[in-house]
């Protein structure tokens, strides 16, 4: 087991050429992972964006309920 950014056995340049493989060192010795998906994750800040359309499920969860929603709720609970 090694502590390294990556290892190439019996080769020197193929690790860099593998575009989907993360490439870079560990800690201050390297620049981090900057190839493929790993590079995208390294240099990106993810955030969640939620946009609700005209119909969304919170109408069934939060009041005030419209008459149709009230009928549906009563039908489920008053069997």
Foldseek 3Di string as FASTA:
>chain_A
DDQWQDDDPPDDCVQVVPQCRFDWTPDPRIDGGCGRPRNVVVPDDDDDDDDDDPDDDCQLVDDDHDPVSVVVVCVVPVD
